[in-house]
Protein backbone atom coordinates (compact mmCIF):
# COMPACT_ATOMS: atom_id res chain seq x y z
CA MET A 1 -0.02 0.06 -0.17
CA ILE A 2 1.44 3.36 -0.56
CA PRO A 3 1.26 5.98 2.05
CA ASP A 4 -1.34 8.44 1.93
CA ILE A 5 0.81 12.08 2.76
CA GLY A 6 -2.27 13.68 1.42
CA ALA A 7 -4.05 13.33 4.65
CA ALA A 8 -0.91 14.73 6.83
CA PHE A 9 -0.25 17.96 4.45
CA GLY A 10 -3.45 18.17 3.26
CA GLN A 11 -3.80 21.13 0.32
CA TYR A 12 0.24 21.52 0.34
CA THR A 13 0.69 18.21 -0.37
CA TYR A 14 1.83 19.22 -4.00
CA LEU A 15 3.59 22.15 -3.10
CA LEU A 16 6.01 20.14 -0.91
CA THR A 17 6.33 17.29 -3.35
CA GLU A 18 7.63 19.66 -5.77
CA VAL A 19 10.00 20.92 -3.54
CA VAL A 20 11.81 17.84 -2.37
CA TRP A 21 11.88 16.81 -6.02
CA GLY A 22 12.90 20.26 -7.14
CA THR A 23 15.58 20.14 -3.95
CA VAL A 24 17.15 16.90 -5.87
CA ALA A 25 16.86 18.11 -9.31
CA VAL A 26 18.78 21.52 -8.17
CA GLY A 27 21.66 19.19 -6.20
CA LEU A 28 22.14 16.68 -9.00
CA LEU A 29 22.50 19.57 -11.69
CA TYR A 30 24.84 21.82 -8.77
CA ARG A 31 26.66 18.35 -8.60
CA ALA A 32 26.82 17.82 -12.05
CA GLY A 33 27.47 21.66 -12.72
CA ALA A 34 24.95 23.01 -15.42
CA LEU A 35 22.80 24.82 -13.42
CA VAL A 36 23.10 27.75 -16.01
CA GLN A 37 22.70 25.19 -19.33
CA ALA A 38 19.86 23.48 -17.32
CA ALA A 39 18.33 27.45 -16.89
CA ARG A 40 18.95 28.06 -20.19
CA THR A 41 16.40 25.07 -21.56
CA ILE A 42 14.00 25.14 -18.60
CA GLY A 43 13.51 29.19 -19.40
CA ALA A 44 13.29 27.76 -23.41
CA LEU A 45 10.20 24.78 -22.61
CA TYR A 46 8.37 27.05 -20.46
CA PRO A 47 6.36 28.85 -22.79
CA ILE A 48 5.37 25.66 -24.42
CA ALA A 49 4.51 23.95 -21.33
CA TYR A 50 2.54 26.67 -19.66
CA LEU A 51 0.55 27.12 -22.33
CA TRP A 52 0.18 23.04 -23.15
CA ASP A 53 -1.26 23.31 -19.04
CA TRP A 54 -3.02 26.31 -19.23
CA TYR A 55 -5.18 25.40 -21.90
CA THR A 56 -5.76 21.25 -20.34
CA LEU A 57 -6.61 22.18 -17.06
CA ARG A 58 -8.85 24.79 -19.03
CA ILE A 59 -11.00 22.39 -20.97
CA GLY A 60 -10.55 19.92 -17.96
CA VAL A 61 -7.84 16.68 -18.78
CA PHE A 62 -7.46 16.69 -15.59
CA GLU A 63 -7.77 18.72 -11.66
CA ILE A 64 -5.30 19.01 -8.68
CA PRO A 65 -7.29 18.59 -5.18
CA LEU A 66 -4.38 18.69 -2.92
CA ARG A 67 -3.27 21.94 -3.84
CA THR A 68 -2.64 25.25 -2.10
CA GLY A 69 -5.33 27.22 -4.34
CA VAL A 70 -3.10 29.46 -4.95
CA GLU A 71 -2.96 30.70 -9.05
CA LEU A 72 -0.65 32.81 -11.35
CA LEU A 73 -1.26 33.96 -14.83
CA GLY A 74 -4.35 31.69 -14.57
CA ILE A 75 -3.37 27.89 -13.71
CA PRO A 76 -1.87 26.73 -9.47
CA ILE A 77 1.28 27.64 -8.35
CA GLU A 78 2.33 24.59 -7.88
CA GLU A 79 1.82 23.97 -11.97
CA HIS A 80 4.30 27.10 -12.55
CA LEU A 81 6.60 24.13 -10.02
CA PHE A 82 6.38 21.46 -12.03
CA MET A 83 6.81 22.88 -15.33
CA VAL A 84 10.38 23.47 -13.46
CA VAL A 85 11.02 20.88 -11.61
CA VAL A 86 10.44 17.90 -14.33
CA PRO A 87 12.88 19.20 -16.70
CA ALA A 88 15.51 20.46 -13.68
CA LEU A 89 14.75 16.46 -12.86
CA VAL A 90 15.57 14.82 -16.08
CA LEU A 91 18.34 17.34 -17.54
CA GLY A 92 20.15 16.81 -13.36
CA ILE A 93 20.03 12.88 -14.27
CA HIS A 94 21.29 13.04 -17.55
CA GLU A 95 24.41 15.56 -16.74
CA THR A 96 25.07 13.81 -13.57
CA LEU A 97 25.21 10.14 -15.67
CA ARG A 98 27.27 12.11 -18.86
CA SER A 99 29.74 13.30 -15.64
CA THR A 100 30.06 10.05 -14.26
CA ASP A 101 30.84 9.17 -17.93
CA GLU A 102 33.06 11.16 -18.32
CA ARG A 103 34.64 10.52 -15.27
CA HIS A 104 35.31 6.33 -16.65
CA PRO A 105 35.01 6.29 -20.58
CA SER A 106 35.71 2.45 -20.34
CA SER A 107 31.60 2.52 -19.35
CA GLY A 108 30.71 5.07 -21.83
CA THR A 109 29.74 4.83 -25.58
CA ALA A 110 30.37 1.80 -27.99
CA GLU A 111 33.53 3.68 -29.26
CA ASN A 112 35.15 3.25 -26.06
CA ARG A 113 35.00 -0.28 -25.83
CA VAL A 114 36.42 -1.22 -28.95
């Protein structure tokens, strides 16, 4: 059974999960030395993600029950964080794996395994 943190955190559940995973993402990006590059990529993706999110919320594709109720530019504040945290986490994992490959070239690409 999956623990129901919603019972404990109520309307702050979504916000809390964004902060936790956002912290993980920033830590990975910092460790990989990729904060600036990630910020640039996220900045480029954000307008597309915002329009997509705004539209899908307006037409009723999904609802977010465990949120603060605070909205900014027509969408929940948690969704703005989501649109930053998800790509940051993906990029953080990618950059961490890439920096690991660079430190250990024999475990990297096929060209290195000749």
